[in-house]
Each structure stands twice: as structure tokens, then as C-alpha cells.
Amino acid sequence: MGLFNFLTQEIAIDLGTANTLIIHNDQVVVDEPSIVAIDRTSNKIVAVGKKAMMMHEKTHENLKTIRPLKDGVIADFNAAEGMLREMIKLVQHKKKPWFPPSWKMVICIPSSITEVEKRAVRDSAEQAGAKEVYMIHEPMAAALGIGIDVEEPTGNMIIDIGGGTTGISVIALAGIVCDQSIRIAGDEFTADIMEAMRRYHSLMIGERTAAQIKIHVGSALKELDNPPDDIAVNGRDLVTGIPKQIMVSYQEVAEALDKSIFKIEEAILKALESTPPELAADIYRRGLYLTGGGALLRGLDKRISQKIKLPVHVADDPLRAVVRGTGMALKNIARMPFLMK
């Protein structure tokens, strides 16, 4: 096989609702927003990732931006395939190979995914040039990425708050024992902020601006030890129709996100209720692990800990925990019984 290694390249992909990350040769080589810009007249992809995100909500009638994934699964098959193909090209943008390589891919998928949705992921990967496609459930990849030994007979609860879904899973003996998934995550937080600006300030803002507010002053608690500075927000006044600027504090954002975070807390409690008692005892000793972009929300670990009276640990690099775990699965395909072909 050594002779043909240059023809078969291995990549691990975290195909997320908000961001797509790709690992190649143990390095994260692609970390881009999951979005494409398409020319309506020729139906060709004009831009992907950061370039397409800069065009989002600023396009004219001949150009449209599409987020191909919704709630963790592929919503637009053609756009997803095109996005995946373009992002794989970024892996080898530095050196143009004589022959296009065939790819061996491990892609992570939500644990609540249906067979039809799984087929859409596989088809997209194959259309983008994959020869072999393996899939791994996100909670399992997140656990590997955090550094948990998933094969030991000990229960671990992983809460993965992504862009489209929040997955709450109890893992033991290289399998998912119980699983709870709700479609409340980063996108819902963004929508909550947009609604709060409209309701309390009569200010219409776009998705990108709401996402920036979430990053800069997003909070799960109304009282923080190290509060961020207020942020200036520009938008359109709904009363006069004229652009205006307001200052937004983290307390306002915490108020806006309160209901969505409450639903996540309820889902965690529901998952704990369905956990077998021996595994519940392990979780009591070890606590809960938070991963995904939502884990970066200020004070979220503290709020969840206060609610369920258990320790909550945030992964070191929560945004990349899943793709790191997917990369580890790629390196040890033979030793991973939970990989799906």
C-alpha cells in the first residue's frame, strides 16, 4: 500500500451547521463557516467559507448565499456537496497534485440522525471525491477529543452545544447508552438576540451582527465576575427606517438567551433521569463535560452547575474537540468499533 499512499489521502471532517473543520496530517487545515455563495444565473459556486460569510445578507438578485446544513443535518444537498468539494480543495491548495487523490474520510454526524440524513452525508462525501467514508457520532468524537477513554466501563456525560443542535449523551464501553438531542443551540441563540433587539430597541439587525453580539457580550448569567464591555450595535430603526447605533450590555443578552438555556437545562435533567443508576454514580463523581461553540458562552458552566448541582467542565478548546476526536478515530480506524461504514 505504501507505493500508492500519495494517491489516497486521509481527512477527518466535522461538518457542522455553523462551521466546517477538516484535519489532514494531524493538523486543522480548514476552519471555515459552513456557507456558500452561488451565482443564480450560472448556478456556480462563487465563494465558500469566510468569503461567502462576508457576502451573507449583502447580496444582489444575481447572487445568493446558502447555509447547506440546518439543525445539524444537510438541508440543501447540492450546496452541501459543492461546499464540501471546495473545502477539500483548500486542503491541497498549496501543491497541485499530478493526479487528484482519492480520499478516505471520517465524518462526524449528530447521534439523532436518521438513515435518510446519513445517506445524504455519505452521498455528498462520495460526490466530493471520497473513496472510503466512515462516520462517527458527534458525542463519541467529542469524548475522544476531550481525552476521555471511551472504552472503559465508566459513564461520562457529554453536552455538545453546536450551531444547530445540542446533543446530550451518556457514553460508556465505546457506545452511547442514552441520548437526548434538542434543536436549540447557537443558531437559536442568534435568533433570540435578533428578536430582543427588535422588541426592546426597535432595531432590526442581521444574523451576522447578532452572531457578533453573541461572541463579544454573550452570557448565560446576569452577574459575571469578569464582565465584558458593552458593544456598539448598528442596525435599522424600525420606527424611522433610518440606520442607528445602540450600546448593548451582557445583561441584556443574558435576558434574551434565558429561555433557550432553560430548555437546554431541562433536556440535561431529562437525560440524567433516563441514565442507569450505576452510570449516574459515575457522572456524580466525574461531572459533566461541555463542548461545541455554545460552551464558550460566558457563565454557562456555572449556570448549569447551579441548576443540576453537579460539577461542569468546559473542554480546553470546545470548538475543535469534535474534529480532534474525529481525527483520532481516523488514525485508529481498525480499533474503533463504533465507526460506521
Protein backbone atom coordinates (compact mmCIF):
# COMPACT_ATOMS: atom_id res chain seq x y z
CA MET A 1 0.00 0.00 0.00
CA GLY A 2 2.99 2.28 0.70
CA LEU A 3 3.59 2.82 -3.04
CA PHE A 4 0.10 4.28 -3.54
CA ASN A 5 -0.10 6.30 -0.32
CA PHE A 6 0.26 9.53 -2.27
CA LEU A 7 -2.92 8.64 -4.19
CA THR A 8 -5.02 8.05 -1.06
CA GLN A 9 -5.22 10.94 1.36
CA GLU A 10 -6.91 10.75 4.77
CA ILE A 11 -9.02 13.56 6.19
CA ALA A 12 -11.31 13.96 9.19
CA ILE A 13 -14.29 16.29 8.77
CA ASP A 14 -16.53 18.00 11.31
CA LEU A 15 -19.40 19.01 9.03
CA GLY A 16 -21.16 21.45 11.35
CA THR A 17 -24.20 23.70 10.96
CA ALA A 18 -22.12 26.80 11.72
CA ASN A 19 -18.53 25.77 10.87
CA THR A 20 -16.77 23.05 8.89
CA LEU A 21 -13.38 21.88 10.14
CA ILE A 22 -11.02 19.48 8.35
CA ILE A 23 -7.97 17.70 9.79
CA HIS A 24 -5.23 16.48 7.44
CA ASN A 25 -1.88 15.05 8.63
CA ASP A 26 -2.87 15.73 12.28
CA GLN A 27 -3.41 19.45 11.64
CA VAL A 28 -6.58 21.52 11.34
CA VAL A 29 -6.12 22.79 7.79
CA VAL A 30 -9.65 24.11 7.18
CA ASP A 31 -11.75 26.05 9.70
CA GLU A 32 -14.43 27.92 7.77
CA PRO A 33 -18.09 28.92 8.22
CA SER A 34 -20.48 26.40 6.60
CA ILE A 35 -21.82 28.70 3.91
CA VAL A 36 -21.60 29.04 0.11
CA ALA A 37 -22.28 31.91 -2.27
CA ILE A 38 -23.85 30.88 -5.60
CA ASP A 39 -24.35 32.79 -8.85
CA ARG A 40 -28.06 32.42 -9.68
CA THR A 41 -27.53 32.73 -13.47
CA SER A 42 -24.80 30.09 -13.91
CA ASN A 43 -25.56 28.14 -10.68
CA LYS A 44 -21.81 28.07 -9.97
CA ILE A 45 -20.20 28.47 -6.56
CA VAL A 46 -18.60 31.91 -6.27
CA ALA A 47 -17.23 31.63 -2.73
CA VAL A 48 -17.21 29.35 0.32
CA GLY A 49 -16.46 29.81 3.99
CA LYS A 50 -15.24 33.20 5.25
CA LYS A 51 -15.53 34.86 1.81
CA ALA A 52 -19.13 33.69 1.44
CA MET A 53 -19.90 34.78 5.04
CA MET A 54 -18.73 38.32 4.19
CA MET A 55 -21.34 38.34 1.41
CA HIS A 56 -24.13 36.94 3.62
CA GLU A 57 -27.20 39.22 3.81
CA LYS A 58 -25.49 41.69 1.44
CA THR A 59 -26.21 40.01 -1.91
CA HIS A 60 -27.98 41.33 -5.02
CA GLU A 61 -30.54 39.41 -7.08
CA ASN A 62 -27.93 37.51 -9.15
CA LEU A 63 -26.14 36.18 -6.07
CA LYS A 64 -27.41 34.11 -3.15
CA THR A 65 -25.79 32.72 -0.02
CA ILE A 66 -26.83 29.31 1.29
CA ARG A 67 -26.12 27.58 4.57
CA PRO A 68 -26.41 23.96 3.41
CA LEU A 69 -26.81 22.49 6.90
CA LYS A 70 -29.72 23.12 9.21
CA ASP A 71 -30.18 21.64 12.68
CA GLY A 72 -27.04 19.55 12.25
CA VAL A 73 -28.14 17.81 9.03
CA ILE A 74 -27.93 18.53 5.29
CA ALA A 75 -30.84 20.72 4.16
CA ASP A 76 -29.54 21.52 0.66
CA PHE A 77 -27.80 18.52 -0.91
CA ASN A 78 -26.30 20.28 -3.97
CA ALA A 79 -24.96 23.20 -1.93
CA ALA A 80 -23.50 20.81 0.70
CA GLU A 81 -21.75 18.75 -1.97
CA GLY A 82 -20.33 21.88 -3.63
CA MET A 83 -19.20 23.31 -0.28
CA LEU A 84 -17.51 20.05 0.71
CA ARG A 85 -15.78 19.79 -2.68
CA GLU A 86 -14.45 23.38 -2.44
CA MET A 87 -13.28 22.93 1.16
CA ILE A 88 -11.46 19.72 0.28
CA LYS A 89 -9.69 21.70 -2.47
CA LEU A 90 -8.43 24.06 0.28
CA VAL A 91 -6.63 21.10 1.88
CA GLN A 92 -4.32 20.85 -1.14
CA HIS A 93 -4.30 24.45 -2.33
CA LYS A 94 -0.54 24.78 -1.76
CA LYS A 95 0.60 21.92 -4.01
CA LYS A 96 -1.27 20.85 -7.12
CA PRO A 97 -1.02 17.04 -7.41
CA TRP A 98 -0.43 15.36 -10.77
CA PHE A 99 -3.38 13.07 -10.09
CA PRO A 100 -6.36 14.06 -7.97
CA PRO A 101 -6.14 11.91 -4.83
CA SER A 102 -8.89 9.61 -3.67
CA TRP A 103 -9.95 10.47 -0.14
CA LYS A 104 -10.51 8.29 2.89
CA MET A 105 -12.82 10.32 5.14
CA VAL A 106 -14.18 10.10 8.65
CA ILE A 107 -17.13 12.46 9.04
CA CYS A 108 -18.90 13.14 12.32
CA ILE A 109 -22.71 13.15 12.38
CA PRO A 110 -25.32 14.00 15.06
CA SER A 111 -26.34 10.99 17.17
CA SER A 112 -30.04 11.68 16.42
CA ILE A 113 -29.53 11.49 12.63
CA THR A 114 -31.93 9.39 10.53
CA GLU A 115 -30.90 6.83 7.89
CA VAL A 116 -32.01 9.21 5.11
CA GLU A 117 -29.91 12.05 6.55
CA LYS A 118 -26.96 9.66 6.96
CA ARG A 119 -27.27 8.68 3.28
CA ALA A 120 -27.23 12.39 2.31
CA VAL A 121 -23.92 12.87 4.17
CA ARG A 122 -22.40 9.77 2.55
CA ASP A 123 -23.58 10.78 -0.94
CA SER A 124 -22.22 14.32 -0.51
CA ALA A 125 -18.82 12.93 0.54
CA GLU A 126 -18.71 10.47 -2.37
CA GLN A 127 -19.68 13.18 -4.87
CA ALA A 128 -16.87 15.33 -3.43
CA GLY A 129 -14.31 12.58 -4.19
CA ALA A 130 -14.36 10.16 -1.25
CA LYS A 131 -13.40 6.55 -1.94
CA GLU A 132 -13.99 5.36 1.62
CA VAL A 133 -16.41 7.08 4.00
CA TYR A 134 -16.66 6.30 7.72
CA MET A 135 -18.96 8.08 10.14
CA ILE A 136 -18.72 8.73 13.85
CA HIS A 137 -21.37 10.14 16.18
CA GLU A 138 -20.58 13.65 17.45
CA PRO A 139 -20.72 12.81 21.20
CA MET A 140 -18.24 9.96 20.70
CA ALA A 141 -15.90 12.23 18.69
CA ALA A 142 -16.22 14.97 21.34
CA ALA A 143 -15.36 12.49 24.12
CA LEU A 144 -12.26 11.32 22.21
CA GLY A 145 -11.28 14.94 21.55
CA ILE A 146 -11.56 15.86 25.23
CA GLY A 147 -9.27 12.94 26.12
CA ILE A 148 -11.79 10.57 27.69
CA ASP A 149 -11.14 6.82 27.41
CA VAL A 150 -14.47 5.89 25.82
CA GLU A 151 -13.83 2.13 26.05
CA GLU A 152 -13.64 1.92 29.84
CA PRO A 153 -16.74 0.79 31.83
CA THR A 154 -17.30 4.26 33.29
CA GLY A 155 -20.13 6.67 32.47
CA ASN A 156 -19.36 10.12 31.05
CA MET A 157 -21.93 12.74 30.10
CA ILE A 158 -21.04 14.90 27.09
CA ILE A 159 -23.06 18.03 26.26
CA ASP A 160 -22.22 19.21 22.75
CA ILE A 161 -23.78 22.63 22.01
CA GLY A 162 -23.22 23.19 18.30
CA GLY A 163 -24.75 25.54 15.76
CA GLY A 164 -28.00 23.68 15.06
CA THR A 165 -28.41 21.08 17.82
CA THR A 166 -27.45 20.38 21.42
CA GLY A 167 -26.60 16.73 21.93
CA ILE A 168 -26.62 15.32 25.46
CA SER A 169 -25.17 11.81 25.60
CA VAL A 170 -24.01 9.32 28.22
CA ILE A 171 -21.08 7.25 26.93
CA ALA A 172 -19.69 4.00 28.35
CA LEU A 173 -17.91 0.94 26.89
CA ALA A 174 -17.42 2.59 23.46
CA GLY A 175 -21.16 3.14 23.00
CA ILE A 176 -23.88 5.72 23.58
CA VAL A 177 -26.07 4.49 26.45
CA CYS A 178 -28.65 7.28 26.42
CA ASP A 179 -29.01 10.20 24.13
CA GLN A 180 -31.05 13.40 24.14
CA SER A 181 -30.97 15.87 21.28
CA ILE A 182 -32.75 19.21 21.03
CA ARG A 183 -32.72 21.71 18.19
CA ILE A 184 -31.74 24.60 20.43
CA ALA A 185 -28.13 25.75 20.07
CA GLY A 186 -26.04 28.56 18.56
CA ASP A 187 -28.49 29.44 15.75
CA GLU A 188 -31.35 29.69 18.25
CA PHE A 189 -29.23 31.96 20.48
CA THR A 190 -28.58 34.21 17.45
CA ALA A 191 -32.32 34.34 16.66
CA ASP A 192 -33.08 35.20 20.33
CA ILE A 193 -30.67 38.17 20.17
CA MET A 194 -32.22 39.44 16.92
CA GLU A 195 -35.68 39.22 18.48
CA ALA A 196 -34.55 41.02 21.67
CA MET A 197 -33.05 43.91 19.66
CA ARG A 198 -36.29 44.23 17.70
CA ARG A 199 -38.54 44.06 20.76
CA TYR A 200 -36.64 46.24 23.25
CA HIS A 201 -34.84 48.69 20.97
CA SER A 202 -36.99 48.66 17.78
CA LEU A 203 -33.75 47.83 15.99
CA MET A 204 -33.59 45.47 13.04
CA ILE A 205 -30.23 43.67 12.86
CA GLY A 206 -28.93 40.87 10.64
CA GLU A 207 -27.76 37.37 11.51
CA ARG A 208 -24.06 38.31 11.28
CA THR A 209 -24.46 41.26 13.69
CA ALA A 210 -26.40 39.07 16.16
CA ALA A 211 -23.63 36.46 15.98
CA GLN A 212 -21.04 39.16 16.76
CA ILE A 213 -23.09 40.29 19.79
CA LYS A 214 -23.22 36.64 20.97
CA ILE A 215 -19.42 36.31 20.66
CA HIS A 216 -18.49 39.66 22.25
CA VAL A 217 -21.07 40.02 25.07
CA GLY A 218 -22.89 36.66 25.11
CA SER A 219 -23.63 35.46 28.64
CA ALA A 220 -25.76 32.87 30.42
CA LEU A 221 -25.70 34.78 33.71
CA LYS A 222 -26.76 38.35 34.57
CA GLU A 223 -23.87 38.68 37.02
CA LEU A 224 -20.34 37.79 35.90
CA ASP A 225 -17.04 38.04 37.77
CA ASN A 226 -15.25 39.45 34.71
CA PRO A 227 -17.97 41.18 32.66
CA PRO A 228 -17.21 42.15 29.05
CA ASP A 229 -17.51 45.77 27.93
CA ASP A 230 -20.74 46.90 26.26
CA ILE A 231 -20.75 46.59 22.47
CA ALA A 232 -21.89 49.18 19.91
CA VAL A 233 -24.54 47.67 17.61
CA ASN A 234 -25.61 49.18 14.29
CA GLY A 235 -28.93 48.43 12.62
CA ARG A 236 -32.07 49.94 11.14
CA ASP A 237 -34.57 51.78 13.33
CA LEU A 238 -37.94 50.12 12.79
CA VAL A 239 -39.81 53.33 13.63
CA THR A 240 -37.98 55.84 11.42
CA GLY A 241 -36.30 53.45 8.95
CA ILE A 242 -33.01 55.30 9.49
CA PRO A 243 -29.77 53.45 10.48
CA LYS A 244 -28.86 53.95 14.15
CA GLN A 245 -26.46 52.72 16.80
CA ILE A 246 -27.13 51.48 20.34
CA MET A 247 -24.97 50.08 23.14
CA VAL A 248 -25.75 46.52 24.30
CA SER A 249 -24.65 45.01 27.62
CA TYR A 250 -24.10 41.36 28.54
CA GLN A 251 -27.08 41.53 30.97
CA GLU A 252 -29.43 42.23 28.04
CA VAL A 253 -28.04 39.26 26.13
CA ALA A 254 -28.35 37.02 29.21
CA GLU A 255 -32.02 38.05 29.44
CA ALA A 256 -32.55 37.29 25.73
CA LEU A 257 -30.95 33.83 25.98
CA ASP A 258 -32.63 32.82 29.24
CA LYS A 259 -35.49 30.75 27.77
CA SER A 260 -33.29 28.82 25.34
CA ILE A 261 -30.73 27.99 28.04
CA PHE A 262 -33.58 26.89 30.34
CA LYS A 263 -34.68 24.40 27.63
CA ILE A 264 -31.12 23.02 27.44
CA GLU A 265 -31.08 22.62 31.24
CA GLU A 266 -34.41 20.75 31.07
CA ALA A 267 -33.00 18.42 28.38
CA ILE A 268 -29.95 17.70 30.59
CA LEU A 269 -32.23 16.83 33.52
CA LYS A 270 -34.31 14.57 31.26
CA ALA A 271 -31.16 12.79 30.07
CA LEU A 272 -30.00 12.31 33.68
CA GLU A 273 -33.42 10.82 34.57
CA SER A 274 -33.01 8.12 31.91
CA THR A 275 -29.41 7.27 32.91
CA PRO A 276 -28.91 3.82 34.54
CA PRO A 277 -28.08 4.20 38.26
CA GLU A 278 -24.50 2.82 38.08
CA LEU A 279 -23.64 5.28 35.30
CA ALA A 280 -25.38 8.08 37.22
CA ALA A 281 -23.00 7.33 40.11
CA ASP A 282 -20.02 7.74 37.74
CA ILE A 283 -21.42 11.05 36.45
CA TYR A 284 -21.84 12.28 40.04
CA ARG A 285 -18.13 11.61 40.64
CA ARG A 286 -16.86 12.92 37.30
CA GLY A 287 -19.28 15.73 36.47
CA LEU A 288 -20.44 16.84 33.02
CA TYR A 289 -18.34 17.87 30.00
CA LEU A 290 -19.31 20.83 27.81
CA THR A 291 -18.10 21.05 24.20
CA GLY A 292 -19.07 22.88 21.00
CA GLY A 293 -19.18 26.60 20.29
CA GLY A 294 -22.04 27.10 22.79
CA ALA A 295 -19.71 26.02 25.60
CA LEU A 296 -17.87 29.36 25.13
CA LEU A 297 -20.93 31.29 26.34
CA ARG A 298 -19.82 33.15 29.48
CA GLY A 299 -21.12 31.66 32.73
CA LEU A 300 -22.90 28.71 31.07
CA ASP A 301 -20.95 26.07 33.01
CA LYS A 302 -21.68 27.91 36.28
CA ARG A 303 -25.39 28.24 35.48
CA ILE A 304 -25.80 24.54 34.56
CA SER A 305 -23.81 23.53 37.66
CA GLN A 306 -26.11 25.63 39.89
CA LYS A 307 -29.18 24.04 38.31
CA ILE A 308 -28.20 20.36 38.46
CA LYS A 309 -25.86 20.52 41.50
CA LEU A 310 -23.02 18.72 39.69
CA PRO A 311 -19.59 19.91 38.53
CA VAL A 312 -19.45 21.05 34.89
CA HIS A 313 -16.16 21.06 32.96
CA VAL A 314 -15.61 23.04 29.74
CA ALA A 315 -13.30 21.36 27.22
CA ASP A 316 -9.94 23.09 26.61
CA ASP A 317 -10.76 24.01 23.00
CA PRO A 318 -14.51 23.30 22.77
CA LEU A 319 -14.82 24.45 19.13
CA ARG A 320 -12.28 21.86 17.98
CA ALA A 321 -12.95 18.98 20.39
CA VAL A 322 -15.20 17.16 17.90
CA VAL A 323 -12.83 17.46 14.93
CA ARG A 324 -9.86 16.43 17.10
CA GLY A 325 -11.77 13.31 18.16
CA THR A 326 -12.71 12.63 14.54
CA GLY A 327 -9.01 12.89 13.64
CA MET A 328 -8.12 10.39 16.37
CA ALA A 329 -10.74 7.98 15.01
CA LEU A 330 -9.22 8.38 11.52
CA LYS A 331 -5.76 7.37 12.80
CA ASN A 332 -7.14 4.28 14.58
CA ILE A 333 -9.93 3.11 12.26
CA ALA A 334 -9.26 -0.59 12.99
CA ARG A 335 -9.54 -0.04 16.75
CA MET A 336 -12.80 1.95 16.65
CA PRO A 337 -15.77 -0.45 16.83
CA PHE A 338 -18.27 2.45 16.87
CA LEU A 339 -17.27 3.77 13.41
CA MET A 340 -20.00 3.26 10.79
CA LYS A 341 -19.18 2.44 7.19
